[in-house]
């Protein structure tokens, strides 16, 4: 084999490995997208945010105002567009951060775990002891 042929084979191998690596990276599940909450009353748009994810309300049922917000000046705002999740710290197979619950106006320690391409678990906890978990499904 000539030097030119060896060089060509080496380049072809490098390109193949690069493409194979890209394909493998693309098959890793990503939580970005539109998600329906467990109760079906809201849709949350999850997007990459720093090293993790953020979630913003895309639609809500009912009047959709932030009436329970501890800041009286924000109680008349629409919930659509409000960031309710910041899960910016990787932990195990998910991300940790904070969750805002518009039903009571409180912010809780929270986590986001991708359970498959179309399922995420979202948990909110008080004092890391009392937790509530919801399963959200991707909207196609």
C-alpha atoms as a PDB file:
ATOM      1  CA  UNK A   1       0.000   0.000   0.000  1.00  0.00           C
ATOM      2  CA  UNK A   2       1.415   3.363  -0.963  1.00  0.00           C
ATOM      3  CA  UNK A   3       1.749   6.288   1.417  1.00  0.00           C
ATOM      4  CA  UNK A   4      -1.021   8.097  -0.466  1.00  0.00           C
ATOM      5  CA  UNK A   5      -3.383   5.123  -0.081  1.00  0.00           C
ATOM      6  CA  UNK A   6      -2.557   4.803   3.625  1.00  0.00           C
ATOM      7  CA  UNK A   7      -3.238   8.498   4.142  1.00  0.00           C
ATOM      8  CA  UNK A   8      -6.544   8.220   2.268  1.00  0.00           C
ATOM      9  CA  UNK A   9      -7.553   5.179   4.354  1.00  0.00           C
ATOM     10  CA  UNK A  10      -6.620   6.966   7.562  1.00  0.00           C
ATOM     11  CA  UNK A  11      -8.746   9.975   6.575  1.00  0.00           C
ATOM     12  CA  UNK A  12     -11.663   7.748   5.591  1.00  0.00           C
ATOM     13  CA  UNK A  13     -11.423   5.926   8.927  1.00  0.00           C
ATOM     14  CA  UNK A  14     -11.308   9.198  10.851  1.00  0.00           C
ATOM     15  CA  UNK A  15     -14.342  10.536   8.983  1.00  0.00           C
ATOM     16  CA  UNK A  16     -16.243   7.280   9.614  1.00  0.00           C
ATOM     17  CA  UNK A  17     -15.431   7.360  13.340  1.00  0.00           C
ATOM     18  CA  UNK A  18     -16.417  11.017  13.512  1.00  0.00           C
ATOM     19  CA  UNK A  19     -19.766  10.298  11.888  1.00  0.00           C
ATOM     20  CA  UNK A  20     -20.354   7.280  14.117  1.00  0.00           C
ATOM     21  CA  UNK A  21     -19.634   9.414  17.179  1.00  0.00           C
ATOM     22  CA  UNK A  22     -22.051  12.102  15.972  1.00  0.00           C
ATOM     23  CA  UNK A  23     -24.789   9.525  15.413  1.00  0.00           C
ATOM     24  CA  UNK A  24     -24.294   8.117  18.904  1.00  0.00           C
ATOM     25  CA  UNK A  25     -24.449  11.592  20.433  1.00  0.00           C
ATOM     26  CA  UNK A  26     -27.668  12.359  18.558  1.00  0.00           C
ATOM     27  CA  UNK A  27     -29.418   9.270  19.934  1.00  0.00           C
ATOM     28  CA  UNK A  28     -28.884  10.388  23.541  1.00  0.00           C
ATOM     29  CA  UNK A  29     -32.332  11.451  24.804  1.00  0.00           C
ATOM     30  CA  UNK A  30     -32.864  15.176  25.262  1.00  0.00           C
ATOM     31  CA  UNK A  31     -35.548  16.671  27.499  1.00  0.00           C
ATOM     32  CA  UNK A  32     -35.954  19.732  25.264  1.00  0.00           C
ATOM     33  CA  UNK A  33     -39.475  20.067  23.894  1.00  0.00           C
ATOM     34  CA  UNK A  34     -43.110  20.544  24.868  1.00  0.00           C
ATOM     35  CA  UNK A  35     -44.444  18.432  27.762  1.00  0.00           C
ATOM     36  CA  UNK A  36     -47.955  17.775  29.072  1.00  0.00           C
ATOM     37  CA  UNK A  37     -48.160  17.744  32.868  1.00  0.00           C
ATOM     38  CA  UNK A  38     -49.571  14.713  34.671  1.00  0.00           C
ATOM     39  CA  UNK A  39     -52.947  16.359  35.289  1.00  0.00           C
ATOM     40  CA  UNK A  40     -53.167  17.492  31.661  1.00  0.00           C
ATOM     41  CA  UNK A  41     -53.885  21.058  32.749  1.00  0.00           C
ATOM     42  CA  UNK A  42     -50.648  22.634  31.561  1.00  0.00           C
ATOM     43  CA  UNK A  43     -47.985  22.363  28.923  1.00  0.00           C
ATOM     44  CA  UNK A  44     -44.392  23.172  29.778  1.00  0.00           C
ATOM     45  CA  UNK A  45     -41.688  24.047  27.252  1.00  0.00           C
ATOM     46  CA  UNK A  46     -38.384  22.571  28.446  1.00  0.00           C
ATOM     47  CA  UNK A  47     -35.182  23.914  26.905  1.00  0.00           C
ATOM     48  CA  UNK A  48     -31.455  23.698  27.528  1.00  0.00           C
ATOM     49  CA  UNK A  49     -30.426  26.236  30.113  1.00  0.00           C
ATOM     50  CA  UNK A  50     -26.744  26.387  31.002  1.00  0.00           C
ATOM     51  CA  UNK A  51     -25.595  22.912  32.016  1.00  0.00           C
ATOM     52  CA  UNK A  52     -29.173  21.682  32.565  1.00  0.00           C
ATOM     53  CA  UNK A  53     -32.750  22.567  31.657  1.00  0.00           C
ATOM     54  CA  UNK A  54     -35.347  25.268  32.295  1.00  0.00           C
ATOM     55  CA  UNK A  55     -39.108  24.904  31.982  1.00  0.00           C
ATOM     56  CA  UNK A  56     -41.540  27.663  31.008  1.00  0.00           C
ATOM     57  CA  UNK A  57     -45.332  27.422  31.017  1.00  0.00           C
ATOM     58  CA  UNK A  58     -46.562  27.310  27.413  1.00  0.00           C
ATOM     59  CA  UNK A  59     -50.286  26.908  28.202  1.00  0.00           C
ATOM     60  CA  UNK A  60     -52.503  26.540  31.265  1.00  0.00           C
ATOM     61  CA  UNK A  61     -56.152  25.752  31.897  1.00  0.00           C
ATOM     62  CA  UNK A  62     -58.450  28.237  33.596  1.00  0.00           C
ATOM     63  CA  UNK A  63     -57.793  31.953  34.042  1.00  0.00           C
ATOM     64  CA  UNK A  64     -54.044  31.364  34.079  1.00  0.00           C
ATOM     65  CA  UNK A  65     -53.014  34.184  36.406  1.00  0.00           C
ATOM     66  CA  UNK A  66     -50.257  34.009  39.013  1.00  0.00           C
ATOM     67  CA  UNK A  67     -52.710  34.827  41.838  1.00  0.00           C
ATOM     68  CA  UNK A  68     -50.755  33.030  44.584  1.00  0.00           C
ATOM     69  CA  UNK A  69     -47.424  34.750  43.906  1.00  0.00           C
ATOM     70  CA  UNK A  70     -45.888  36.091  47.145  1.00  0.00           C
ATOM     71  CA  UNK A  71     -45.091  39.330  45.272  1.00  0.00           C
ATOM     72  CA  UNK A  72     -48.425  41.187  45.092  1.00  0.00           C
ATOM     73  CA  UNK A  73     -47.228  43.094  42.014  1.00  0.00           C
ATOM     74  CA  UNK A  74     -47.002  39.802  40.059  1.00  0.00           C
ATOM     75  CA  UNK A  75     -50.408  38.371  40.978  1.00  0.00           C
ATOM     76  CA  UNK A  76     -52.108  39.754  37.879  1.00  0.00           C
ATOM     77  CA  UNK A  77     -49.554  38.428  35.387  1.00  0.00           C
ATOM     78  CA  UNK A  78     -50.310  35.614  32.993  1.00  0.00           C
ATOM     79  CA  UNK A  79     -48.726  32.297  33.893  1.00  0.00           C
ATOM     80  CA  UNK A  80     -47.964  31.630  30.224  1.00  0.00           C
ATOM     81  CA  UNK A  81     -44.297  32.463  29.771  1.00  0.00           C
ATOM     82  CA  UNK A  82     -43.414  32.117  33.469  1.00  0.00           C
ATOM     83  CA  UNK A  83     -40.348  29.994  34.194  1.00  0.00           C
ATOM     84  CA  UNK A  84     -41.422  27.325  36.678  1.00  0.00           C
ATOM     85  CA  UNK A  85     -38.343  25.091  36.536  1.00  0.00           C
ATOM     86  CA  UNK A  86     -34.615  25.609  36.691  1.00  0.00           C
ATOM     87  CA  UNK A  87     -32.850  22.242  36.830  1.00  0.00           C
ATOM     88  CA  UNK A  88     -29.294  23.356  36.224  1.00  0.00           C
ATOM     89  CA  UNK A  89     -27.196  20.934  38.287  1.00  0.00           C
ATOM     90  CA  UNK A  90     -26.497  17.436  36.980  1.00  0.00           C
ATOM     91  CA  UNK A  91     -27.038  14.712  39.570  1.00  0.00           C
ATOM     92  CA  UNK A  92     -27.020  11.000  38.799  1.00  0.00           C
ATOM     93  CA  UNK A  93     -29.216  10.418  35.762  1.00  0.00           C
ATOM     94  CA  UNK A  94     -31.049  13.741  36.060  1.00  0.00           C
ATOM     95  CA  UNK A  95     -30.827  17.377  37.066  1.00  0.00           C
ATOM     96  CA  UNK A  96     -31.577  19.262  40.285  1.00  0.00           C
ATOM     97  CA  UNK A  97     -32.697  22.809  40.864  1.00  0.00           C
ATOM     98  CA  UNK A  98     -35.864  24.669  41.808  1.00  0.00           C
ATOM     99  CA  UNK A  99     -39.553  24.409  40.889  1.00  0.00           C
ATOM    100  CA  UNK A 100     -42.113  27.198  41.226  1.00  0.00           C
ATOM    101  CA  UNK A 101     -45.645  25.970  42.011  1.00  0.00           C
ATOM    102  CA  UNK A 102     -48.169  28.588  40.843  1.00  0.00           C
ATOM    103  CA  UNK A 103     -50.942  26.843  42.808  1.00  0.00           C
ATOM    104  CA  UNK A 104     -49.427  27.930  46.132  1.00  0.00           C
ATOM    105  CA  UNK A 105     -46.877  30.543  45.017  1.00  0.00           C
ATOM    106  CA  UNK A 106     -43.970  28.666  46.591  1.00  0.00           C
ATOM    107  CA  UNK A 107     -40.643  27.536  45.200  1.00  0.00           C
ATOM    108  CA  UNK A 108     -39.402  24.057  46.068  1.00  0.00           C
ATOM    109  CA  UNK A 109     -36.214  22.055  45.632  1.00  0.00           C
ATOM    110  CA  UNK A 110     -36.806  20.008  42.520  1.00  0.00           C
ATOM    111  CA  UNK A 111     -35.460  17.523  40.054  1.00  0.00           C
ATOM    112  CA  UNK A 112     -35.950  16.469  36.455  1.00  0.00           C
ATOM    113  CA  UNK A 113     -35.204  12.932  35.273  1.00  0.00           C
ATOM    114  CA  UNK A 114     -35.619  11.756  31.692  1.00  0.00           C
ATOM    115  CA  UNK A 115     -37.210   8.282  31.814  1.00  0.00           C
ATOM    116  CA  UNK A 116     -37.327   7.745  28.063  1.00  0.00           C
ATOM    117  CA  UNK A 117     -37.550   9.753  24.869  1.00  0.00           C
ATOM    118  CA  UNK A 118     -41.126  10.802  25.687  1.00  0.00           C
ATOM    119  CA  UNK A 119     -41.369  10.638  29.506  1.00  0.00           C
ATOM    120  CA  UNK A 120     -39.864  12.797  32.258  1.00  0.00           C
ATOM    121  CA  UNK A 121     -40.303  12.678  36.016  1.00  0.00           C
ATOM    122  CA  UNK A 122     -40.471  16.003  37.800  1.00  0.00           C
ATOM    123  CA  UNK A 123     -40.205  16.054  41.599  1.00  0.00           C
ATOM    124  CA  UNK A 124     -40.627  18.879  44.064  1.00  0.00           C
ATOM    125  CA  UNK A 125     -39.558  18.524  47.697  1.00  0.00           C
ATOM    126  CA  UNK A 126     -39.906  20.347  51.003  1.00  0.00           C
ATOM    127  CA  UNK A 127     -36.839  19.919  53.228  1.00  0.00           C
ATOM    128  CA  UNK A 128     -35.720  17.069  50.924  1.00  0.00           C
ATOM    129  CA  UNK A 129     -38.099  14.790  52.829  1.00  0.00           C
ATOM    130  CA  UNK A 130     -41.643  15.415  51.635  1.00  0.00           C
ATOM    131  CA  UNK A 131     -41.651  15.031  47.866  1.00  0.00           C
ATOM    132  CA  UNK A 132     -44.264  14.882  45.150  1.00  0.00           C
ATOM    133  CA  UNK A 133     -43.434  13.415  41.756  1.00  0.00           C
ATOM    134  CA  UNK A 134     -45.288  13.863  38.483  1.00  0.00           C
ATOM    135  CA  UNK A 135     -44.774  12.038  35.213  1.00  0.00           C
ATOM    136  CA  UNK A 136     -44.974  14.296  32.175  1.00  0.00           C
ATOM    137  CA  UNK A 137     -45.415  13.109  28.596  1.00  0.00           C
ATOM    138  CA  UNK A 138     -43.911  14.708  25.512  1.00  0.00           C
ATOM    139  CA  UNK A 139     -46.376  16.448  23.200  1.00  0.00           C
ATOM    140  CA  UNK A 140     -45.792  15.489  19.554  1.00  0.00           C
END
